[in-house]
Amino acid sequence: MKRDTDEAIRSSILALQADPALLENLRN
C-alpha cells in the first residue's frame, strides 16, 4: 500500500515539474 502511495506522489511531482501551470491551478 505504501509503495503505491509513494509511486503516486512521485508521479504527481513529475507531472507538476513538467507543467508548472498545473501547480498554479492547485493553489487557486
PDB file of N, CA and C in Angstrom:
ATOM      1  N   MET A   1       0.835  -1.203   0.000  1.00  0.00           N
ATOM      2  CA  MET A   1       0.000   0.000   0.000  1.00  0.00           C
ATOM      3  C   MET A   1       0.870   1.254   0.000  1.00  0.00           C
ATOM      4  N   LYS A   2       1.850   1.288   0.901  1.00  0.00           N
ATOM      5  CA  LYS A   2       2.709   2.471   0.965  1.00  0.00           C
ATOM      6  C   LYS A   2       3.466   2.666  -0.346  1.00  0.00           C
ATOM      7  N   ARG A   3       3.884   1.555  -0.960  1.00  0.00           N
ATOM      8  CA  ARG A   3       4.625   1.677  -2.210  1.00  0.00           C
ATOM      9  C   ARG A   3       3.762   2.330  -3.281  1.00  0.00           C
ATOM     10  N   ASP A   4       2.490   1.945  -3.329  1.00  0.00           N
ATOM     11  CA  ASP A   4       1.595   2.546  -4.314  1.00  0.00           C
ATOM     12  C   ASP A   4       1.469   4.046  -4.070  1.00  0.00           C
ATOM     13  N   THR A   5       1.384   4.420  -2.803  1.00  0.00           N
ATOM     14  CA  THR A   5       1.270   5.837  -2.459  1.00  0.00           C
ATOM     15  C   THR A   5       2.533   6.584  -2.861  1.00  0.00           C
ATOM     16  N   ASP A   6       3.680   6.003  -2.598  1.00  0.00           N
ATOM     17  CA  ASP A   6       4.948   6.642  -2.962  1.00  0.00           C
ATOM     18  C   ASP A   6       5.024   6.835  -4.472  1.00  0.00           C
ATOM     19  N   GLU A   7       4.583   5.843  -5.229  1.00  0.00           N
ATOM     20  CA  GLU A   7       4.608   5.944  -6.689  1.00  0.00           C
ATOM     21  C   GLU A   7       3.674   7.055  -7.158  1.00  0.00           C
ATOM     22  N   ALA A   8       2.509   7.145  -6.529  1.00  0.00           N
ATOM     23  CA  ALA A   8       1.541   8.173  -6.914  1.00  0.00           C
ATOM     24  C   ALA A   8       2.103   9.565  -6.632  1.00  0.00           C
ATOM     25  N   ILE A   9       2.738   9.715  -5.468  1.00  0.00           N
ATOM     26  CA  ILE A   9       3.338  11.004  -5.111  1.00  0.00           C
ATOM     27  C   ILE A   9       4.449  11.359  -6.097  1.00  0.00           C
ATOM     28  N   ARG A  10       5.275  10.376  -6.421  1.00  0.00           N
ATOM     29  CA  ARG A  10       6.380  10.621  -7.355  1.00  0.00           C
ATOM     30  C   ARG A  10       5.831  11.041  -8.718  1.00  0.00           C
ATOM     31  N   SER A  11       4.788  10.362  -9.174  1.00  0.00           N
ATOM     32  CA  SER A  11       4.184  10.690 -10.465  1.00  0.00           C
ATOM     33  C   SER A  11       3.611  12.104 -10.441  1.00  0.00           C
ATOM     34  N   SER A  12       2.988  12.461  -9.315  1.00  0.00           N
ATOM     35  CA  SER A  12       2.401  13.789  -9.184  1.00  0.00           C
ATOM     36  C   SER A  12       3.490  14.857  -9.240  1.00  0.00           C
ATOM     37  N   ILE A  13       4.596  14.606  -8.552  1.00  0.00           N
ATOM     38  CA  ILE A  13       5.706  15.563  -8.543  1.00  0.00           C
ATOM     39  C   ILE A  13       6.258  15.736  -9.955  1.00  0.00           C
ATOM     40  N   LEU A  14       6.425  14.646 -10.677  1.00  0.00           N
ATOM     41  CA  LEU A  14       6.945  14.730 -12.035  1.00  0.00           C
ATOM     42  C   LEU A  14       5.982  15.505 -12.919  1.00  0.00           C
ATOM     43  N   ALA A  15       4.689  15.286 -12.725  1.00  0.00           N
ATOM     44  CA  ALA A  15       3.690  15.989 -13.527  1.00  0.00           C
ATOM     45  C   ALA A  15       3.741  17.486 -13.244  1.00  0.00           C
ATOM     46  N   LEU A  16       3.894  17.848 -11.965  1.00  0.00           N
ATOM     47  CA  LEU A  16       3.959  19.259 -11.600  1.00  0.00           C
ATOM     48  C   LEU A  16       5.214  19.909 -12.168  1.00  0.00           C
ATOM     49  N   GLN A  17       6.315  19.178 -12.161  1.00  0.00           N
ATOM     50  CA  GLN A  17       7.561  19.727 -12.704  1.00  0.00           C
ATOM     51  C   GLN A  17       7.438  19.926 -14.214  1.00  0.00           C
ATOM     52  N   ALA A  18       6.697  19.036 -14.865  1.00  0.00           N
ATOM     53  CA  ALA A  18       6.540  19.113 -16.311  1.00  0.00           C
ATOM     54  C   ALA A  18       5.561  20.221 -16.694  1.00  0.00           C
ATOM     55  N   ASP A  19       4.619  20.538 -15.794  1.00  0.00           N
ATOM     56  CA  ASP A  19       3.587  21.526 -16.102  1.00  0.00           C
ATOM     57  C   ASP A  19       3.360  22.465 -14.915  1.00  0.00           C
ATOM     58  N   PRO A  20       4.196  23.496 -14.770  1.00  0.00           N
ATOM     59  CA  PRO A  20       4.088  24.433 -13.648  1.00  0.00           C
ATOM     60  C   PRO A  20       2.707  25.082 -13.562  1.00  0.00           C
ATOM     61  N   ALA A  21       2.015  25.240 -14.694  1.00  0.00           N
ATOM     62  CA  ALA A  21       0.685  25.850 -14.679  1.00  0.00           C
ATOM     63  C   ALA A  21      -0.271  25.015 -13.851  1.00  0.00           C
ATOM     64  N   LEU A  22      -0.054  23.694 -13.841  1.00  0.00           N
ATOM     65  CA  LEU A  22      -0.908  22.812 -13.053  1.00  0.00           C
ATOM     66  C   LEU A  22      -0.768  23.138 -11.571  1.00  0.00           C
ATOM     67  N   LEU A  23       0.442  23.443 -11.148  1.00  0.00           N
ATOM     68  CA  LEU A  23       0.679  23.802  -9.748  1.00  0.00           C
ATOM     69  C   LEU A  23      -0.069  25.089  -9.409  1.00  0.00           C
ATOM     70  N   GLU A  24      -0.062  26.050 -10.325  1.00  0.00           N
ATOM     71  CA  GLU A  24      -0.773  27.305 -10.093  1.00  0.00           C
ATOM     72  C   GLU A  24      -2.265  27.047  -9.939  1.00  0.00           C
ATOM     73  N   ASN A  25      -2.801  26.116 -10.733  1.00  0.00           N
ATOM     74  CA  ASN A  25      -4.224  25.792 -10.642  1.00  0.00           C
ATOM     75  C   ASN A  25      -4.548  25.205  -9.280  1.00  0.00           C
ATOM     76  N   LEU A  26      -3.641  24.408  -8.730  1.00  0.00           N
ATOM     77  CA  LEU A  26      -3.884  23.797  -7.426  1.00  0.00           C
ATOM     78  C   LEU A  26      -3.883  24.853  -6.321  1.00  0.00           C
ATOM     79  N   ARG A  27      -3.116  25.906  -6.492  1.00  0.00           N
ATOM     80  CA  ARG A  27      -3.026  26.948  -5.463  1.00  0.00           C
ATOM     81  C   ARG A  27      -4.299  27.782  -5.421  1.00  0.00           C
ATOM     82  N   ASN A  28      -4.962  27.937  -6.558  1.00  0.00           N
ATOM     83  CA  ASN A  28      -6.157  28.796  -6.630  1.00  0.00           C
ATOM     84  C   ASN A  28      -7.416  28.043  -6.246  1.00  0.00           C
TER      85      ASN A  28
END
